[in-house]
Full PDB file with SEQRES, HELIX, SHEET, SSBOND, CRYST1, ORIGX, SCALE, CONECT and MASTER records, all heavy atoms in Angstrom:
SEQRES   1 A   29  PHE GLN GLY GLU GLN GLY ALA GLN GLN SER PHE HIS TYR          
SEQRES   2 A   29  ALA LEU SER SER GLU ARG GLU HIS ALA ALA MET PHE LYS          
SEQRES   3 A   29  LYS ALA ARG                                                  
HELIX    1 AA1 GLN A    5  ALA A   28  1                                  24    
CRYST1    1.000    1.000    1.000  90.00  90.00  90.00 P 1           1          
ORIGX1      1.000000  0.000000  0.000000        0.00000                         
ORIGX2      0.000000  1.000000  0.000000        0.00000                         
ORIGX3      0.000000  0.000000  1.000000        0.00000                         
SCALE1      1.000000  0.000000  0.000000        0.00000                         
SCALE2      0.000000  1.000000  0.000000        0.00000                         
SCALE3      0.000000  0.000000  1.000000        0.00000                         
ATOM      1  N   PHE A   1       9.383  -4.893   0.870  1.00  0.00           N  
ATOM      2  CA  PHE A   1      10.295  -4.071   1.659  1.00  0.00           C  
ATOM      3  C   PHE A   1      10.650  -4.754   2.981  1.00  0.00           C  
ATOM      4  O   PHE A   1      11.787  -4.687   3.444  1.00  0.00           O  
ATOM      5  CB  PHE A   1       9.661  -2.694   1.917  1.00  0.00           C  
ATOM      6  CG  PHE A   1      10.507  -1.788   2.755  1.00  0.00           C  
ATOM      7  CD1 PHE A   1      11.618  -1.149   2.208  1.00  0.00           C  
ATOM      8  CD2 PHE A   1      10.213  -1.584   4.096  1.00  0.00           C  
ATOM      9  CE1 PHE A   1      12.414  -0.314   2.978  1.00  0.00           C  
ATOM     10  CE2 PHE A   1      11.006  -0.746   4.877  1.00  0.00           C  
ATOM     11  CZ  PHE A   1      12.112  -0.110   4.321  1.00  0.00           C  
ATOM     12  N   GLN A   2       9.675  -5.431   3.570  1.00  0.00           N  
ATOM     13  CA  GLN A   2       9.903  -6.087   4.857  1.00  0.00           C  
ATOM     14  C   GLN A   2      10.406  -7.529   4.716  1.00  0.00           C  
ATOM     15  O   GLN A   2      10.597  -8.210   5.723  1.00  0.00           O  
ATOM     16  CB  GLN A   2       8.624  -6.042   5.700  1.00  0.00           C  
ATOM     17  CG  GLN A   2       8.266  -4.621   6.097  1.00  0.00           C  
ATOM     18  CD  GLN A   2       7.004  -4.518   6.929  1.00  0.00           C  
ATOM     19  OE1 GLN A   2       6.137  -5.382   6.902  1.00  0.00           O  
ATOM     20  NE2 GLN A   2       6.897  -3.432   7.687  1.00  0.00           N  
ATOM     21  N   GLY A   3      10.596  -7.978   3.481  1.00  0.00           N  
ATOM     22  CA  GLY A   3      11.132  -9.317   3.255  1.00  0.00           C  
ATOM     23  C   GLY A   3      10.195 -10.442   3.653  1.00  0.00           C  
ATOM     24  O   GLY A   3      10.645 -11.537   3.992  1.00  0.00           O  
ATOM     25  N   GLU A   4       8.904 -10.199   3.575  1.00  0.00           N  
ATOM     26  CA  GLU A   4       7.903 -11.201   3.950  1.00  0.00           C  
ATOM     27  C   GLU A   4       7.491 -11.998   2.710  1.00  0.00           C  
ATOM     28  O   GLU A   4       6.537 -11.662   2.008  1.00  0.00           O  
ATOM     29  CB  GLU A   4       6.685 -10.520   4.579  1.00  0.00           C  
ATOM     30  CG  GLU A   4       6.985  -9.785   5.865  1.00  0.00           C  
ATOM     31  CD  GLU A   4       7.208 -10.727   7.045  1.00  0.00           C  
ATOM     32  OE1 GLU A   4       6.863 -11.930   6.955  1.00  0.00           O  
ATOM     33  OE2 GLU A   4       7.731 -10.246   8.059  1.00  0.00           O  
ATOM     34  N   GLN A   5       8.219 -13.079   2.438  1.00  0.00           N  
ATOM     35  CA  GLN A   5       8.010 -13.870   1.219  1.00  0.00           C  
ATOM     36  C   GLN A   5       6.599 -14.467   1.132  1.00  0.00           C  
ATOM     37  O   GLN A   5       5.964 -14.420   0.089  1.00  0.00           O  
ATOM     38  CB  GLN A   5       9.049 -14.986   1.136  1.00  0.00           C  
ATOM     39  CG  GLN A   5      10.480 -14.509   1.032  1.00  0.00           C  
ATOM     40  CD  GLN A   5      10.758 -13.802  -0.271  1.00  0.00           C  
ATOM     41  OE1 GLN A   5      10.201 -14.125  -1.315  1.00  0.00           O  
ATOM     42  NE2 GLN A   5      11.639 -12.806  -0.224  1.00  0.00           N  
ATOM     43  N   GLY A   6       6.128 -15.058   2.232  1.00  0.00           N  
ATOM     44  CA  GLY A   6       4.800 -15.665   2.211  1.00  0.00           C  
ATOM     45  C   GLY A   6       3.700 -14.649   1.959  1.00  0.00           C  
ATOM     46  O   GLY A   6       2.757 -14.910   1.214  1.00  0.00           O  
ATOM     47  N   ALA A   7       3.818 -13.484   2.575  1.00  0.00           N  
ATOM     48  CA  ALA A   7       2.832 -12.431   2.347  1.00  0.00           C  
ATOM     49  C   ALA A   7       2.904 -11.936   0.905  1.00  0.00           C  
ATOM     50  O   ALA A   7       1.864 -11.677   0.287  1.00  0.00           O  
ATOM     51  CB  ALA A   7       3.048 -11.274   3.322  1.00  0.00           C  
ATOM     52  N   GLN A   8       4.109 -11.821   0.377  1.00  0.00           N  
ATOM     53  CA  GLN A   8       4.251 -11.411  -1.028  1.00  0.00           C  
ATOM     54  C   GLN A   8       3.493 -12.381  -1.926  1.00  0.00           C  
ATOM     55  O   GLN A   8       2.754 -11.964  -2.828  1.00  0.00           O  
ATOM     56  CB  GLN A   8       5.719 -11.399  -1.443  1.00  0.00           C  
ATOM     57  CG  GLN A   8       6.527 -10.275  -0.866  1.00  0.00           C  
ATOM     58  CD  GLN A   8       7.985 -10.376  -1.288  1.00  0.00           C  
ATOM     59  OE1 GLN A   8       8.282 -10.475  -2.475  1.00  0.00           O  
ATOM     60  NE2 GLN A   8       8.887 -10.351  -0.315  1.00  0.00           N  
ATOM     61  N   GLN A   9       3.672 -13.666  -1.685  1.00  0.00           N  
ATOM     62  CA  GLN A   9       3.004 -14.673  -2.499  1.00  0.00           C  
ATOM     63  C   GLN A   9       1.484 -14.576  -2.356  1.00  0.00           C  
ATOM     64  O   GLN A   9       0.754 -14.593  -3.348  1.00  0.00           O  
ATOM     65  CB  GLN A   9       3.473 -16.068  -2.102  1.00  0.00           C  
ATOM     66  CG  GLN A   9       2.863 -17.162  -2.945  1.00  0.00           C  
ATOM     67  CD  GLN A   9       3.383 -18.521  -2.522  1.00  0.00           C  
ATOM     68  OE1 GLN A   9       3.288 -18.898  -1.355  1.00  0.00           O  
ATOM     69  NE2 GLN A   9       3.955 -19.235  -3.467  1.00  0.00           N  
ATOM     70  N   SER A  10       1.013 -14.437  -1.132  1.00  0.00           N  
ATOM     71  CA  SER A  10      -0.423 -14.347  -0.897  1.00  0.00           C  
ATOM     72  C   SER A  10      -1.017 -13.113  -1.580  1.00  0.00           C  
ATOM     73  O   SER A  10      -2.071 -13.194  -2.222  1.00  0.00           O  
ATOM     74  CB  SER A  10      -0.691 -14.312   0.615  1.00  0.00           C  
ATOM     75  OG  SER A  10      -2.053 -14.439   0.892  1.00  0.00           O  
ATOM     76  N   PHE A  11      -0.346 -11.984  -1.461  1.00  0.00           N  
ATOM     77  CA  PHE A  11      -0.824 -10.760  -2.116  1.00  0.00           C  
ATOM     78  C   PHE A  11      -0.758 -10.880  -3.637  1.00  0.00           C  
ATOM     79  O   PHE A  11      -1.660 -10.422  -4.343  1.00  0.00           O  
ATOM     80  CB  PHE A  11      -0.036  -9.541  -1.638  1.00  0.00           C  
ATOM     81  CG  PHE A  11      -0.236  -9.191  -0.184  1.00  0.00           C  
ATOM     82  CD1 PHE A  11       0.799  -8.624   0.541  1.00  0.00           C  
ATOM     83  CD2 PHE A  11      -1.448  -9.407   0.460  1.00  0.00           C  
ATOM     84  CE1 PHE A  11       0.634  -8.280   1.886  1.00  0.00           C  
ATOM     85  CE2 PHE A  11      -1.632  -9.081   1.803  1.00  0.00           C  
ATOM     86  CZ  PHE A  11      -0.582  -8.506   2.519  1.00  0.00           C  
ATOM     87  N   HIS A  12       0.297 -11.499  -4.154  1.00  0.00           N  
ATOM     88  CA  HIS A  12       0.425 -11.711  -5.606  1.00  0.00           C  
ATOM     89  C   HIS A  12      -0.715 -12.582  -6.125  1.00  0.00           C  
ATOM     90  O   HIS A  12      -1.319 -12.284  -7.163  1.00  0.00           O  
ATOM     91  CB  HIS A  12       1.775 -12.342  -5.941  1.00  0.00           C  
ATOM     92  CG  HIS A  12       1.864 -12.878  -7.324  1.00  0.00           C  
ATOM     93  ND1 HIS A  12       1.940 -12.063  -8.435  1.00  0.00           N  
ATOM     94  CD2 HIS A  12       1.854 -14.147  -7.781  1.00  0.00           C  
ATOM     95  CE1 HIS A  12       1.982 -12.818  -9.528  1.00  0.00           C  
ATOM     96  NE2 HIS A  12       1.931 -14.084  -9.157  1.00  0.00           N  
ATOM     97  N   TYR A  13      -0.992 -13.682  -5.407  1.00  0.00           N  
ATOM     98  CA  TYR A  13      -2.089 -14.559  -5.826  1.00  0.00           C  
ATOM     99  C   TYR A  13      -3.397 -13.775  -5.908  1.00  0.00           C  
ATOM    100  O   TYR A  13      -4.139 -13.879  -6.887  1.00  0.00           O  
ATOM    101  CB  TYR A  13      -2.275 -15.706  -4.830  1.00  0.00           C  
ATOM    102  CG  TYR A  13      -1.238 -16.793  -4.853  1.00  0.00           C  
ATOM    103  CD1 TYR A  13      -1.254 -17.785  -3.882  1.00  0.00           C  
ATOM    104  CD2 TYR A  13      -0.240 -16.865  -5.819  1.00  0.00           C  
ATOM    105  CE1 TYR A  13      -0.322 -18.815  -3.863  1.00  0.00           C  
ATOM    106  CE2 TYR A  13       0.706 -17.876  -5.808  1.00  0.00           C  
ATOM    107  CZ  TYR A  13       0.648 -18.860  -4.826  1.00  0.00           C  
ATOM    108  OH  TYR A  13       1.564 -19.877  -4.812  1.00  0.00           O  
ATOM    109  N   ALA A  14      -3.694 -13.005  -4.878  1.00  0.00           N  
ATOM    110  CA  ALA A  14      -4.953 -12.256  -4.846  1.00  0.00           C  
ATOM    111  C   ALA A  14      -4.993 -11.204  -5.945  1.00  0.00           C  
ATOM    112  O   ALA A  14      -5.992 -11.096  -6.671  1.00  0.00           O  
ATOM    113  CB  ALA A  14      -5.144 -11.617  -3.478  1.00  0.00           C  
ATOM    114  N   LEU A  15      -3.918 -10.445  -6.098  1.00  0.00           N  
ATOM    115  CA  LEU A  15      -3.883  -9.396  -7.119  1.00  0.00           C  
ATOM    116  C   LEU A  15      -4.102  -9.984  -8.516  1.00  0.00           C  
ATOM    117  O   LEU A  15      -4.888  -9.449  -9.305  1.00  0.00           O  
ATOM    118  CB  LEU A  15      -2.552  -8.643  -7.064  1.00  0.00           C  
ATOM    119  CG  LEU A  15      -2.325  -7.565  -8.123  1.00  0.00           C  
ATOM    120  CD1 LEU A  15      -3.399  -6.490  -8.066  1.00  0.00           C  
ATOM    121  CD2 LEU A  15      -0.943  -6.943  -7.946  1.00  0.00           C  
ATOM    122  N   SER A  16      -3.441 -11.077  -8.807  1.00  0.00           N  
ATOM    123  CA  SER A  16      -3.593 -11.715 -10.127  1.00  0.00           C  
ATOM    124  C   SER A  16      -5.032 -12.166 -10.353  1.00  0.00           C  
ATOM    125  O   SER A  16      -5.565 -12.034 -11.462  1.00  0.00           O  
ATOM    126  CB  SER A  16      -2.649 -12.911 -10.237  1.00  0.00           C  
ATOM    127  OG  SER A  16      -1.309 -12.494 -10.121  1.00  0.00           O  
ATOM    128  N   SER A  17      -5.656 -12.691  -9.320  1.00  0.00           N  
ATOM    129  CA  SER A  17      -7.037 -13.161  -9.435  1.00  0.00           C  
ATOM    130  C   SER A  17      -8.023 -12.013  -9.579  1.00  0.00           C  
ATOM    131  O   SER A  17      -8.988 -12.106 -10.344  1.00  0.00           O  
ATOM    132  CB  SER A  17      -7.405 -13.980  -8.196  1.00  0.00           C  
ATOM    133  OG  SER A  17      -6.557 -15.083  -8.065  1.00  0.00           O  
ATOM    134  N   GLU A  18      -7.794 -10.940  -8.838  1.00  0.00           N  
ATOM    135  CA  GLU A  18      -8.738  -9.819  -8.860  1.00  0.00           C  
ATOM    136  C   GLU A  18      -8.825  -9.203 -10.251  1.00  0.00           C  
ATOM    137  O   GLU A  18      -9.883  -8.708 -10.645  1.00  0.00           O  
ATOM    138  CB  GLU A  18      -8.369  -8.755  -7.827  1.00  0.00           C  
ATOM    139  CG  GLU A  18      -8.177  -9.239  -6.403  1.00  0.00           C  
ATOM    140  CD  GLU A  18      -9.325 -10.007  -5.765  1.00  0.00           C  
ATOM    141  OE1 GLU A  18     -10.288 -10.402  -6.446  1.00  0.00           O  
ATOM    142  OE2 GLU A  18      -9.253 -10.212  -4.555  1.00  0.00           O  
ATOM    143  N   ARG A  19      -7.741  -9.228 -10.991  1.00  0.00           N  
ATOM    144  CA  ARG A  19      -7.780  -8.716 -12.374  1.00  0.00           C  
ATOM    145  C   ARG A  19      -8.785  -9.501 -13.208  1.00  0.00           C  
ATOM    146  O   ARG A  19      -9.546  -8.923 -13.996  1.00  0.00           O  
ATOM    147  CB  ARG A  19      -6.385  -8.783 -12.995  1.00  0.00           C  
ATOM    148  CG  ARG A  19      -5.409  -7.809 -12.401  1.00  0.00           C  
ATOM    149  CD  ARG A  19      -4.039  -7.928 -13.052  1.00  0.00           C  
ATOM    150  NE  ARG A  19      -3.108  -6.981 -12.470  1.00  0.00           N  
ATOM    151  CZ  ARG A  19      -1.926  -7.306 -11.952  1.00  0.00           C  
ATOM    152  NH1 ARG A  19      -1.512  -8.560 -11.975  1.00  0.00           N  
ATOM    153  NH2 ARG A  19      -1.154  -6.377 -11.438  1.00  0.00           N  
ATOM    154  N   GLU A  20      -8.764 -10.808 -13.053  1.00  0.00           N  
ATOM    155  CA  GLU A  20      -9.713 -11.662 -13.782  1.00  0.00           C  
ATOM    156  C   GLU A  20     -11.138 -11.410 -13.306  1.00  0.00           C  
ATOM    157  O   GLU A  20     -12.066 -11.362 -14.104  1.00  0.00           O  
ATOM    158  CB  GLU A  20      -9.348 -13.136 -13.602  1.00  0.00           C  
ATOM    159  CG  GLU A  20      -8.009 -13.519 -14.181  1.00  0.00           C  
ATOM    160  CD  GLU A  20      -7.901 -13.290 -15.672  1.00  0.00           C  
ATOM    161  OE1 GLU A  20      -8.896 -13.536 -16.400  1.00  0.00           O  
ATOM    162  OE2 GLU A  20      -6.826 -12.849 -16.124  1.00  0.00           O  
ATOM    163  N   HIS A  21     -11.302 -11.259 -11.996  1.00  0.00           N  
ATOM    164  CA  HIS A  21     -12.646 -11.029 -11.450  1.00  0.00           C  
ATOM    165  C   HIS A  21     -13.259  -9.748 -12.013  1.00  0.00           C  
ATOM    166  O   HIS A  21     -14.425  -9.741 -12.426  1.00  0.00           O  
ATOM    167  CB  HIS A  21     -12.599 -10.943  -9.923  1.00  0.00           C  
ATOM    168  CG  HIS A  21     -12.125 -12.197  -9.264  1.00  0.00           C  
ATOM    169  ND1 HIS A  21     -11.778 -12.234  -7.934  1.00  0.00           N  
ATOM    170  CD2 HIS A  21     -11.940 -13.444  -9.743  1.00  0.00           C  
ATOM    171  CE1 HIS A  21     -11.396 -13.462  -7.624  1.00  0.00           C  
ATOM    172  NE2 HIS A  21     -11.477 -14.212  -8.708  1.00  0.00           N  
ATOM    173  N   ALA A  22     -12.488  -8.674 -12.039  1.00  0.00           N  
ATOM    174  CA  ALA A  22     -13.000  -7.407 -12.572  1.00  0.00           C  
ATOM    175  C   ALA A  22     -13.423  -7.565 -14.024  1.00  0.00           C  
ATOM    176  O   ALA A  22     -14.495  -7.093 -14.422  1.00  0.00           O  
ATOM    177  CB  ALA A  22     -11.951  -6.304 -12.428  1.00  0.00           C  
ATOM    178  N   ALA A  23     -12.599  -8.232 -14.823  1.00  0.00           N  
ATOM    179  CA  ALA A  23     -12.917  -8.430 -16.241  1.00  0.00           C  
ATOM    180  C   ALA A  23     -14.180  -9.271 -16.409  1.00  0.00           C  
ATOM    181  O   ALA A  23     -15.030  -8.971 -17.269  1.00  0.00           O  
ATOM    182  CB  ALA A  23     -11.733  -9.087 -16.960  1.00  0.00           C  
ATOM    183  N   MET A  24     -14.328 -10.289 -15.588  1.00  0.00           N  
ATOM    184  CA  MET A  24     -15.515 -11.147 -15.688  1.00  0.00           C  
ATOM    185  C   MET A  24     -16.777 -10.384 -15.276  1.00  0.00           C  
ATOM    186  O   MET A  24     -17.832 -10.533 -15.896  1.00  0.00           O  
ATOM    187  CB  MET A  24     -15.319 -12.403 -14.837  1.00  0.00           C  
ATOM    188  CG  MET A  24     -14.196 -13.294 -15.361  1.00  0.00           C  
ATOM    189  SD  MET A  24     -13.846 -14.680 -14.261  1.00  0.00           S  
ATOM    190  CE  MET A  24     -14.824 -15.938 -15.092  1.00  0.00           C  
ATOM    191  N   PHE A  25     -16.678  -9.563 -14.236  1.00  0.00           N  
ATOM    192  CA  PHE A  25     -17.822  -8.752 -13.825  1.00  0.00           C  
ATOM    193  C   PHE A  25     -18.201  -7.747 -14.915  1.00  0.00           C  
ATOM    194  O   PHE A  25     -19.382  -7.509 -15.173  1.00  0.00           O  
ATOM    195  CB  PHE A  25     -17.533  -8.013 -12.519  1.00  0.00           C  
ATOM    196  CG  PHE A  25     -17.605  -8.858 -11.280  1.00  0.00           C  
ATOM    197  CD1 PHE A  25     -16.836  -8.525 -10.172  1.00  0.00           C  
ATOM    198  CD2 PHE A  25     -18.443  -9.961 -11.180  1.00  0.00           C  
ATOM    199  CE1 PHE A  25     -16.908  -9.275  -8.997  1.00  0.00           C  
ATOM    200  CE2 PHE A  25     -18.514 -10.725 -10.021  1.00  0.00           C  
ATOM    201  CZ  PHE A  25     -17.747 -10.377  -8.925  1.00  0.00           C  
ATOM    202  N   LYS A  26     -17.203  -7.127 -15.551  1.00  0.00           N  
ATOM    203  CA  LYS A  26     -17.481  -6.167 -16.627  1.00  0.00           C  
ATOM    204  C   LYS A  26     -18.210  -6.841 -17.780  1.00  0.00           C  
ATOM    205  O   LYS A  26     -19.193  -6.298 -18.313  1.00  0.00           O  
ATOM    206  CB  LYS A  26     -16.187  -5.521 -17.119  1.00  0.00           C  
ATOM    207  CG  LYS A  26     -15.608  -4.521 -16.154  1.00  0.00           C  
ATOM    208  CD  LYS A  26     -14.278  -3.981 -16.643  1.00  0.00           C  
ATOM    209  CE  LYS A  26     -13.639  -3.075 -15.599  1.00  0.00           C  
ATOM    210  NZ  LYS A  26     -12.291  -2.625 -16.000  1.00  0.00           N  
ATOM    211  N   LYS A  27     -17.749  -8.012 -18.174  1.00  0.00           N  
ATOM    212  CA  LYS A  27     -18.387  -8.758 -19.264  1.00  0.00           C  
ATOM    213  C   LYS A  27     -19.829  -9.105 -18.896  1.00  0.00           C  
ATOM    214  O   LYS A  27     -20.744  -8.903 -19.694  1.00  0.00           O  
ATOM    215  CB  LYS A  27     -17.592 -10.033 -19.561  1.00  0.00           C  
ATOM    216  CG  LYS A  27     -18.212 -10.924 -20.607  1.00  0.00           C  
ATOM    217  CD  LYS A  27     -17.415 -12.199 -20.801  1.00  0.00           C  
ATOM    218  CE  LYS A  27     -18.142 -13.160 -21.720  1.00  0.00           C  
ATOM    219  NZ  LYS A  27     -17.448 -14.446 -21.824  1.00  0.00           N  
ATOM    220  N   ALA A  28     -20.031  -9.578 -17.677  1.00  0.00           N  
ATOM    221  CA  ALA A  28     -21.377  -9.961 -17.237  1.00  0.00           C  
ATOM    222  C   ALA A  28     -22.302  -8.751 -17.197  1.00  0.00           C  
ATOM    223  O   ALA A  28     -23.477  -8.846 -17.571  1.00  0.00           O  
ATOM    224  CB  ALA A  28     -21.300 -10.624 -15.862  1.00  0.00           C  
ATOM    225  N   ARG A  29     -21.776  -7.616 -16.776  1.00  0.00           N  
ATOM    226  CA  ARG A  29     -22.620  -6.417 -16.678  1.00  0.00           C  
ATOM    227  C   ARG A  29     -23.113  -5.975 -18.055  1.00  0.00           C  
ATOM    228  O   ARG A  29     -24.254  -5.490 -18.183  1.00  0.00           O  
ATOM    229  CB  ARG A  29     -21.880  -5.273 -15.985  1.00  0.00           C  
ATOM    230  CG  ARG A  29     -22.813  -4.082 -15.772  1.00  0.00           C  
ATOM    231  CD  ARG A  29     -22.341  -3.150 -14.691  1.00  0.00           C  
ATOM    232  NE  ARG A  29     -23.380  -2.158 -14.460  1.00  0.00           N  
ATOM    233  CZ  ARG A  29     -23.234  -0.858 -14.671  1.00  0.00           C  
ATOM    234  NH1 ARG A  29     -22.082  -0.368 -15.078  1.00  0.00           N  
ATOM    235  NH2 ARG A  29     -24.228  -0.032 -14.447  1.00  0.00           N  
TER     236      ARG A  29                                                      
MASTER        0    0    0    1    0    0    0    6  235    1    0    3          
END                                                                             
């Protein structure tokens, strides 16, 4: 909404990674 391209990219990178992290933690548990 605020047109912050770099922040969008940084948030996208983190969001994409966190999905993998949750799945890996679930498998390990």
